Protein backbone atom coordinates (compact mmCIF):
# COMPACT_ATOMS: atom_id res chain seq x y z
CA MET A 1 -0.10 -0.02 0.04
CA ASN A 2 1.40 3.43 -1.02
CA ASP A 3 1.13 6.44 1.31
CA HIS A 4 1.93 9.70 -0.59
CA THR A 5 2.15 12.88 1.30
CA TYR A 6 3.79 16.20 0.39
CA ALA A 7 4.41 18.59 3.20
CA PRO A 8 5.18 22.18 1.79
CA GLY A 9 8.81 22.09 0.53
CA PHE A 10 9.40 18.44 1.76
CA PRO A 11 8.13 15.75 -0.69
CA GLU A 12 8.15 12.31 0.43
CA ILE A 13 6.92 8.88 -0.45
CA ARG A 14 6.30 5.67 1.84
CA MET A 15 5.62 2.25 1.22
CA SER A 16 4.87 -0.79 3.50
CA LEU A 17 6.48 -4.13 2.32
CA LEU A 18 6.52 -7.75 3.45
CA ALA A 19 10.21 -8.71 4.08
CA THR A 20 10.79 -11.08 1.19
CA PRO A 21 13.46 -10.97 -1.46
CA SER A 22 11.14 -9.01 -3.95
CA SER A 23 11.06 -6.23 -1.43
CA ALA A 24 14.39 -5.10 -2.36
CA VAL A 25 13.24 -4.71 -6.14
CA LEU A 26 10.24 -2.77 -4.89
CA ALA A 27 12.20 -0.44 -2.86
CA ARG A 28 14.63 0.39 -5.51
CA GLU A 29 11.74 1.18 -7.94
CA LEU A 30 10.08 3.33 -5.42
CA VAL A 31 13.34 5.37 -4.87
CA ARG A 32 13.86 5.52 -8.89
CA TYR A 33 10.22 6.78 -9.27
CA ALA A 34 10.29 9.51 -6.46
CA LEU A 35 13.65 10.80 -7.27
CA LEU A 36 13.15 10.90 -11.03
CA ASN A 37 9.85 12.80 -10.40
CA TRP A 38 11.64 15.15 -8.10
CA ASN A 39 14.31 15.87 -10.80
CA PHE A 40 17.40 14.52 -9.32
CA THR A 41 20.37 13.43 -11.68
CA LYS A 42 20.46 10.05 -13.29
CA SER A 43 23.69 9.18 -11.33
CA LEU A 44 22.30 10.17 -7.83
CA ILE A 45 19.28 8.07 -8.67
CA GLU A 46 21.40 5.26 -9.36
CA ASP A 47 23.31 5.69 -6.31
CA SER A 48 20.20 6.09 -4.16
CA THR A 49 18.69 2.85 -5.49
CA LEU A 50 21.73 1.03 -4.81
CA VAL A 51 21.82 2.38 -1.01
CA MET A 52 18.07 1.78 -0.42
CA SER A 53 18.69 -1.74 -1.83
CA GLU A 54 21.33 -2.46 0.67
CA ILE A 55 19.46 -1.06 3.57
CA VAL A 56 16.26 -3.10 2.66
CA THR A 57 18.46 -6.13 2.26
CA ASN A 58 19.74 -5.60 5.87
CA ALA A 59 16.19 -5.45 7.09
CA LEU A 60 15.19 -8.52 5.17
CA ASN A 61 17.75 -10.38 6.95
CA ALA A 62 16.88 -8.94 10.33
CA ALA A 63 13.13 -9.62 10.13
CA PRO A 64 12.24 -12.19 7.44
CA GLY A 65 8.51 -12.47 6.61
CA ARG A 66 7.68 -9.39 8.79
CA GLU A 67 6.36 -5.95 7.77
CA LEU A 68 9.06 -3.51 6.48
CA ARG A 69 8.31 0.31 6.11
CA ILE A 70 10.34 2.48 3.59
CA ARG A 71 10.28 6.21 3.02
CA THR A 72 12.02 8.46 0.61
CA ALA A 73 12.12 12.12 1.14
CA VAL A 74 13.89 15.20 0.46
CA HIS A 75 15.74 16.79 3.43
CA GLY A 76 17.65 19.95 2.88
CA GLY A 77 17.51 19.48 -0.89
CA ALA A 78 19.06 15.84 -0.43
CA PRO A 79 17.44 12.43 -0.85
CA LEU A 80 16.88 10.94 2.49
CA LEU A 81 16.25 6.89 2.36
CA GLU A 82 14.85 5.14 5.41
CA CYS A 83 13.80 1.61 6.28
CA TRP A 84 12.10 0.43 9.44
CA ASP A 85 11.97 -3.20 10.66
CA PRO A 86 10.66 -4.59 13.82
CA SER A 87 13.84 -6.22 14.95
CA PRO A 88 15.73 -4.70 17.83
CA VAL A 89 18.86 -6.16 16.45
CA LEU A 90 21.30 -3.37 14.93
CA PRO A 91 23.17 -3.92 11.71
CA VAL A 92 26.85 -4.20 12.26
CA PRO A 93 29.56 -3.38 9.69
CA CYS A 94 31.77 -6.55 9.18
CA ASN A 95 35.05 -7.10 7.33
CA ALA A 96 33.87 -9.52 4.58
CA PRO A 97 36.37 -11.44 2.57
CA LEU A 98 36.64 -10.11 -0.92
CA ASP A 99 35.09 -13.36 -2.27
CA ALA A 100 32.06 -13.24 0.15
CA GLU A 101 28.57 -12.67 -1.57
CA SER A 102 27.43 -10.60 1.50
CA GLY A 103 28.61 -8.60 4.34
CA ARG A 104 29.50 -5.23 2.77
CA GLY A 105 25.88 -3.51 2.64
CA LEU A 106 26.84 -0.96 5.53
CA LEU A 107 30.16 -0.13 3.74
CA ILE A 108 28.33 0.31 0.51
CA VAL A 109 25.84 2.57 2.15
CA ALA A 110 28.62 4.63 4.07
CA ALA A 111 30.70 5.01 0.71
CA TYR A 112 27.72 6.62 -1.15
CA ALA A 113 25.78 8.45 1.64
CA GLU A 114 26.74 11.85 2.97
CA GLU A 115 25.43 10.60 6.44
CA THR A 116 23.92 7.48 7.70
CA GLY A 117 22.56 6.26 11.03
CA ILE A 118 20.27 4.08 12.97
CA ARG A 119 17.69 5.14 15.28
CA PRO A 120 14.98 3.59 17.50
CA ALA A 121 11.61 3.67 16.01
CA ALA A 122 9.12 6.44 17.29
CA THR A 123 6.90 3.55 18.67
CA GLY A 124 9.71 2.13 20.68
CA HIS A 125 9.44 -1.09 18.66
CA GLY A 126 12.17 -1.90 16.03
CA LYS A 127 14.45 0.54 14.48
CA VAL A 128 14.98 2.70 11.49
CA VAL A 129 18.20 2.78 9.30
CA TRP A 130 18.61 5.84 7.30
CA ALA A 131 20.89 7.33 4.83
CA LEU A 132 21.22 10.90 3.52
CA MET A 133 22.41 11.16 0.10
CA PRO A 134 24.43 14.11 -1.28
CA LYS A 135 22.62 17.24 -2.12
CA THR A 136 22.11 18.43 -5.41
CA SER A 137 19.59 20.75 -7.04
CA TYR A 138 16.17 19.28 -8.01
């Protein structure tokens, strides 16, 4: 279910998803749709879809089969990407071997984003992992 809200000067789009592998695809497409409509550059859209995919993949691993909530917004002229999941377990960066198929998601997020973080959900249940992308005009 989509919930579109646009506060004056601060566009955003939200979506609730079931934590399944296809959720990463849907999250990427939501980011692509939003940032394209908000006139961000192609390269920033591609970087943002990658970052959201990594954030959602971590949430899939933390809460398989549970509800996830994603949000794409504009904060201070830059894309803000967020994913809530119900798990209290925080993602931890690891030093994955070069031939590993996973384990580098948080490093990828940190490499592309201006700022990243994790905060407790406002409800006290679960957490929100977020990334603020570089600022560009839109």
